Protein backbone atom coordinates (compact mmCIF):
# COMPACT_ATOMS: atom_id res chain seq x y z
CA MET A 1 46.60 3.49 8.55
CA VAL A 2 42.91 2.58 8.30
CA ALA A 3 40.22 4.57 9.95
CA THR A 4 38.25 1.57 11.06
CA TYR A 5 35.56 3.10 13.31
CA PRO A 6 34.69 6.17 11.04
CA ILE A 7 34.46 3.78 8.13
CA LEU A 8 32.20 1.52 9.90
CA SER A 9 30.01 4.35 10.93
CA LEU A 10 29.53 5.59 7.41
CA LEU A 11 28.59 2.18 6.26
CA VAL A 12 26.19 1.68 9.10
CA ILE A 13 24.71 5.14 8.12
CA PHE A 14 24.45 4.04 4.50
CA ALA A 15 22.75 0.75 5.35
CA LEU A 16 20.24 2.32 7.68
CA SER A 17 19.66 5.05 4.78
CA LEU A 18 18.74 1.93 2.28
CA LEU A 19 16.61 0.51 4.94
CA ILE A 20 14.64 3.82 5.61
CA VAL A 21 14.00 4.27 1.86
CA ARG A 22 12.81 0.77 1.60
CA VAL A 23 10.55 1.28 4.59
CA GLY A 24 8.98 4.53 3.09
CA SER A 25 8.57 2.92 -0.31
CA ILE A 26 6.49 0.18 1.28
CA ALA A 27 4.80 2.51 3.33
CA LEU A 28 3.52 4.62 -0.07
CA GLU A 29 2.79 1.23 -1.62
CA MET A 30 0.32 0.61 1.08
CA THR A 31 -1.39 3.85 0.24
CA GLY A 32 -2.25 3.00 -3.02
CA LEU A 33 1.10 3.91 -5.36
CA SER A 34 2.49 1.49 -7.67
CA PRO A 35 5.84 0.03 -6.48
CA ASP A 36 7.95 1.74 -9.35
CA VAL A 37 6.53 5.24 -8.12
CA ALA A 38 6.65 4.58 -4.54
CA SER A 39 10.38 3.46 -4.94
CA PHE A 40 11.31 6.58 -6.87
CA GLN A 41 9.38 9.13 -4.71
CA ALA A 42 10.50 7.62 -1.34
CA THR A 43 14.22 8.04 -2.80
CA SER A 44 13.63 11.45 -4.11
CA ALA A 45 12.18 12.58 -0.64
CA PHE A 46 14.85 11.11 1.39
CA SER A 47 17.65 12.55 -0.72
CA GLY A 48 15.82 15.75 -0.81
CA ALA A 49 15.87 15.98 -4.76
CA GLY A 50 12.31 16.97 -4.60
CA TYR A 51 11.39 16.32 -8.17
CA THR A 52 8.13 18.27 -9.23
CA THR A 53 6.15 15.90 -11.39
CA GLU A 54 2.58 14.65 -11.44
CA GLU A 55 3.66 11.42 -9.57
CA ALA A 56 5.13 13.68 -6.82
CA GLU A 57 1.62 15.52 -6.65
CA GLN A 58 0.01 12.05 -6.12
CA THR A 59 2.55 11.37 -3.27
CA VAL A 60 1.35 14.08 -1.04
CA ALA A 61 -2.43 13.87 -2.15
CA THR A 62 -3.44 12.17 1.23
CA ALA A 63 -2.63 12.80 4.76
CA GLY A 64 -0.95 9.35 5.15
CA ARG A 65 1.61 10.02 2.30
CA ARG A 66 2.37 13.46 3.45
CA LYS A 67 3.35 11.96 6.87
CA THR A 68 5.52 9.45 5.33
CA VAL A 69 7.26 11.88 2.79
CA LYS A 70 7.73 14.33 5.76
CA ALA A 71 9.55 11.69 7.79
CA LEU A 72 11.71 10.74 4.83
CA ILE A 73 12.76 14.04 4.39
CA ARG A 74 13.71 14.59 8.07
CA LEU A 75 15.59 11.30 8.29
CA GLY A 76 17.28 11.96 5.08
CA SER A 77 18.43 15.39 6.31
CA ILE A 78 20.05 13.71 9.48
CA GLY A 79 21.56 10.71 7.71
CA LEU A 80 23.35 12.83 5.05
CA LEU A 81 24.79 15.06 7.82
CA GLY A 82 25.76 12.03 9.77
CA ALA A 83 27.33 10.36 6.61
CA ILE A 84 29.24 13.47 5.56
CA SER A 85 30.43 14.04 9.31
CA SER A 86 31.84 10.18 9.05
CA LEU A 87 33.30 10.73 5.80
CA ILE A 88 35.41 13.83 6.90
CA LEU A 89 36.39 12.10 9.95
CA SER A 90 37.70 8.88 8.07
CA PHE A 91 39.99 11.24 6.08
CA THR A 92 41.14 13.74 8.67
CA GLN A 93 41.99 11.44 11.39
CA THR A 94 44.48 9.62 9.74
CA SER A 95 47.68 11.13 7.96
CA ASP A 96 48.04 8.42 5.46
CA GLY A 97 46.32 5.32 3.85
CA HIS A 98 43.63 7.72 2.27
CA LEU A 99 43.44 5.43 -0.72
CA LEU A 100 42.90 2.31 1.50
CA ASN A 101 40.27 3.92 3.17
CA LEU A 102 38.35 5.07 0.13
CA ALA A 103 38.65 1.47 -1.19
CA TYR A 104 37.12 -0.04 2.06
CA ILE A 105 34.15 2.59 1.82
CA LEU A 106 33.40 1.58 -1.95
CA GLY A 107 33.80 -2.12 -1.25
CA GLY A 108 31.58 -1.99 1.87
CA ALA A 109 29.06 0.27 0.11
CA GLY A 110 28.83 -2.12 -2.88
CA VAL A 111 28.48 -5.05 -0.81
CA ILE A 112 25.51 -3.71 1.05
CA ILE A 113 23.83 -2.39 -2.21
CA LEU A 114 24.17 -6.09 -3.70
CA PHE A 115 22.69 -7.48 -0.37
CA ALA A 116 19.66 -4.89 -0.22
CA ARG A 117 18.96 -5.49 -4.06
CA SER A 118 18.73 -9.21 -3.67
CA ARG A 119 15.48 -10.88 -4.14
CA TRP A 120 15.83 -13.24 -1.22
CA PHE A 121 16.55 -10.51 0.99
CA ASN A 122 13.57 -8.48 0.00
CA ARG A 123 11.15 -11.61 0.27
CA ILE A 124 12.12 -11.86 3.73
CA VAL A 125 12.25 -8.19 4.81
CA THR A 126 9.18 -6.94 3.05
CA PRO A 127 6.45 -8.79 4.62
CA PHE A 128 7.94 -7.94 7.97
CA ILE A 129 7.95 -4.32 7.13
CA GLU A 130 4.31 -4.47 6.00
CA TRP A 131 3.41 -6.36 9.06
CA ALA A 132 5.33 -3.77 11.33
CA LEU A 133 3.57 -0.77 9.32
CA SER A 134 -0.02 -2.23 9.52
CA ARG A 135 0.57 -2.79 13.27
CA THR A 136 1.95 0.66 14.15
CA THR A 137 0.30 2.88 11.59
CA GLU A 138 -3.15 3.62 10.03
CA LEU A 139 -1.69 4.10 6.55
CA GLU A 140 -3.40 1.30 4.83
CA VAL A 141 -6.77 1.89 6.46
CA ARG A 142 -6.89 5.67 6.29
CA ASP A 143 -5.51 6.12 2.74
CA TYR A 144 -7.46 3.33 0.96
CA ALA A 145 -10.60 4.67 2.81
CA GLN A 146 -9.90 8.09 0.90
CA LEU A 147 -9.06 6.18 -2.35
CA LEU A 148 -12.30 4.31 -2.23
CA GLY A 149 -14.49 7.08 -1.35
CA LEU A 150 -15.42 5.45 2.12
CA GLN A 151 -15.41 8.64 3.87
CA SER A 152 -18.99 9.48 2.03
CA GLU A 153 -21.44 6.99 1.35
CA TYR A 154 -19.57 4.24 0.13
CA ARG A 155 -18.13 1.24 2.10
CA VAL A 156 -16.64 -2.13 1.92
CA ALA A 157 -18.54 -4.55 4.04
CA GLU A 158 -18.16 -8.61 4.67
CA VAL A 159 -21.52 -10.70 4.33
CA ASP A 160 -21.44 -14.10 6.00
CA ILE A 161 -23.21 -16.58 3.92
CA GLU A 162 -25.32 -19.40 5.75
CA ALA A 163 -27.08 -22.15 4.21
CA SER A 164 -30.60 -20.55 4.12
CA ASP A 165 -29.44 -17.18 2.78
CA TRP A 166 -30.56 -16.06 -0.69
CA LEU A 167 -26.83 -15.81 -1.52
CA ALA A 168 -26.05 -19.47 -1.05
CA GLU A 169 -25.63 -21.93 -3.61
CA LYS A 170 -25.55 -19.57 -6.47
CA THR A 171 -22.93 -18.29 -8.73
CA LEU A 172 -21.53 -14.75 -9.03
CA ALA A 173 -22.92 -14.57 -12.46
CA GLU A 174 -26.50 -15.52 -11.28
CA LEU A 175 -26.23 -13.07 -8.41
CA ASP A 176 -25.39 -10.28 -10.85
CA LEU A 177 -24.65 -7.89 -7.95
CA PRO A 178 -23.06 -5.21 -10.15
CA SER A 179 -26.37 -4.62 -11.54
CA GLU A 180 -27.20 -3.32 -8.18
CA GLY A 181 -24.32 -1.24 -7.92
CA VAL A 182 -22.40 -3.54 -5.54
CA LEU A 183 -18.93 -4.95 -6.68
CA VAL A 184 -17.44 -8.28 -5.61
CA LEU A 185 -13.93 -7.25 -4.28
CA GLY A 186 -13.33 -11.23 -2.95
CA VAL A 187 -14.22 -14.36 -1.18
CA MET A 188 -13.11 -15.66 2.19
CA ARG A 189 -13.22 -19.48 2.25
CA ASN A 190 -11.99 -21.86 4.56
CA GLY A 191 -9.60 -19.32 5.83
CA SER A 192 -8.28 -18.22 2.54
CA TYR A 193 -8.84 -14.91 0.65
CA ILE A 194 -9.68 -15.31 -3.06
CA GLY A 195 -9.47 -11.75 -4.66
CA ALA A 196 -11.38 -10.86 -8.06
CA PRO A 197 -13.21 -14.01 -8.10
CA GLN A 198 -14.60 -15.58 -11.45
CA LEU A 199 -18.25 -15.17 -12.19
CA GLU A 200 -18.55 -18.82 -12.32
CA MET A 201 -17.54 -19.20 -8.85
CA GLU A 202 -20.49 -20.57 -6.52
CA MET A 203 -21.22 -19.25 -2.98
CA LYS A 204 -21.10 -22.04 -0.36
CA PRO A 205 -22.31 -21.89 3.31
CA ASP A 206 -19.69 -20.45 5.70
CA ASP A 207 -18.19 -18.26 2.52
CA THR A 208 -17.92 -14.44 3.23
CA LEU A 209 -18.30 -12.00 0.67
CA VAL A 210 -16.31 -8.96 0.55
CA LEU A 211 -18.37 -6.25 -1.07
CA TYR A 212 -18.09 -2.48 -2.09
CA GLY A 213 -20.86 -0.06 -2.46
CA LYS A 214 -23.32 2.34 -0.94
CA ARG A 215 -23.74 1.52 2.81
CA ASP A 216 -27.70 1.34 2.56
CA ARG A 217 -27.42 -1.21 -0.43
CA LEU A 218 -24.87 -3.52 1.26
CA GLN A 219 -26.97 -3.46 4.57
CA GLU A 220 -30.08 -4.34 2.34
CA LEU A 221 -28.32 -6.94 0.60
CA SER A 222 -27.25 -8.59 3.88
CA ASP A 223 -30.77 -8.48 5.37
CA ARG A 224 -32.65 -9.71 2.08
CA GLN A 225 -34.90 -12.51 2.14
CA ALA A 226 -34.66 -15.37 -0.57
CA GLY A 227 -37.29 -14.96 -3.43
CA ASP A 228 -37.63 -11.02 -2.61
CA THR A 229 -37.65 -10.04 -6.12
CA GLU A 230 -39.04 -6.64 -5.65
CA ALA A 231 -36.04 -5.66 -3.42
CA ARG A 232 -33.74 -6.80 -6.24
CA ASP A 233 -35.85 -4.88 -8.68
CA ASP A 234 -35.70 -1.81 -6.52
CA ALA A 235 -32.09 -2.10 -6.42
CA ILE A 236 -31.66 -2.26 -10.07
CA GLU A 237 -33.85 0.98 -10.35
CA ASP A 238 -31.81 2.78 -7.87
CA HIS A 239 -28.54 1.92 -9.40
CA GLU A 240 -29.65 2.97 -13.04
CA GLU A 241 -30.66 6.42 -11.46
CA THR A 242 -27.17 6.64 -9.74
CA LEU A 243 -25.33 5.80 -12.97
CA GLU A 244 -27.64 8.63 -14.94
CA GLN A 245 -26.43 11.09 -12.19
CA GLN A 246 -22.86 9.95 -12.86
CA LYS A 247 -23.12 10.40 -16.72
CA GLN A 248 -24.33 13.91 -16.19
CA LEU A 249 -21.45 14.57 -13.82
CA ILE A 250 -19.01 13.28 -16.71
CA GLU A 251 -20.59 15.30 -19.41
CA GLN A 252 -20.29 18.65 -17.61
């Protein structure tokens, strides 16, 4: 006799466990961990293995990551207990058919694993999970803010380019913003985002520059008038002083 309901319960718990680990892995990726590290640490936290490695230290380095790991540990404990209970029921509520029950369990688990590992399934599920996490949590904003040092004087800012701006009709090489201590992270053009743009890319009116640098410098760049070479010279001088300070810190 096949223990249908206990086996189905066990397989549902197994499928939910895989989904929880996947959600946790994506959440950790959103905080800056690589996919491989995020996947391993999410599995480790959910299973309670608790590997002590440098990667594990990185996983709990920020508040958002710690919350994710804590949730995985708690859900893992509940899931494992439920799975064990269902497994016991599947073998104790029937007097025979134990091998058949085991075959159904292994077969169902195998199908779930193959389904979860399929590329098309991940292509569909992953964007939805990322969207849901971005709408319901502050993982991405908070943890990337810490990674980029945005809690101090550094910021990420968007600068809209108009036809009369000094930024317009110039390539990124001509603008040479890094010499002023400002990095170009990307360009928004016609509703599309161009990440890490090439130096030969020319800025057009209605483009939006996504910049990273000190807050005061970003504000000055946004307000700078065309032909103001003195402001640029001051910015370069300030950045050279910053580089000298950083050099002293590195050599300590």
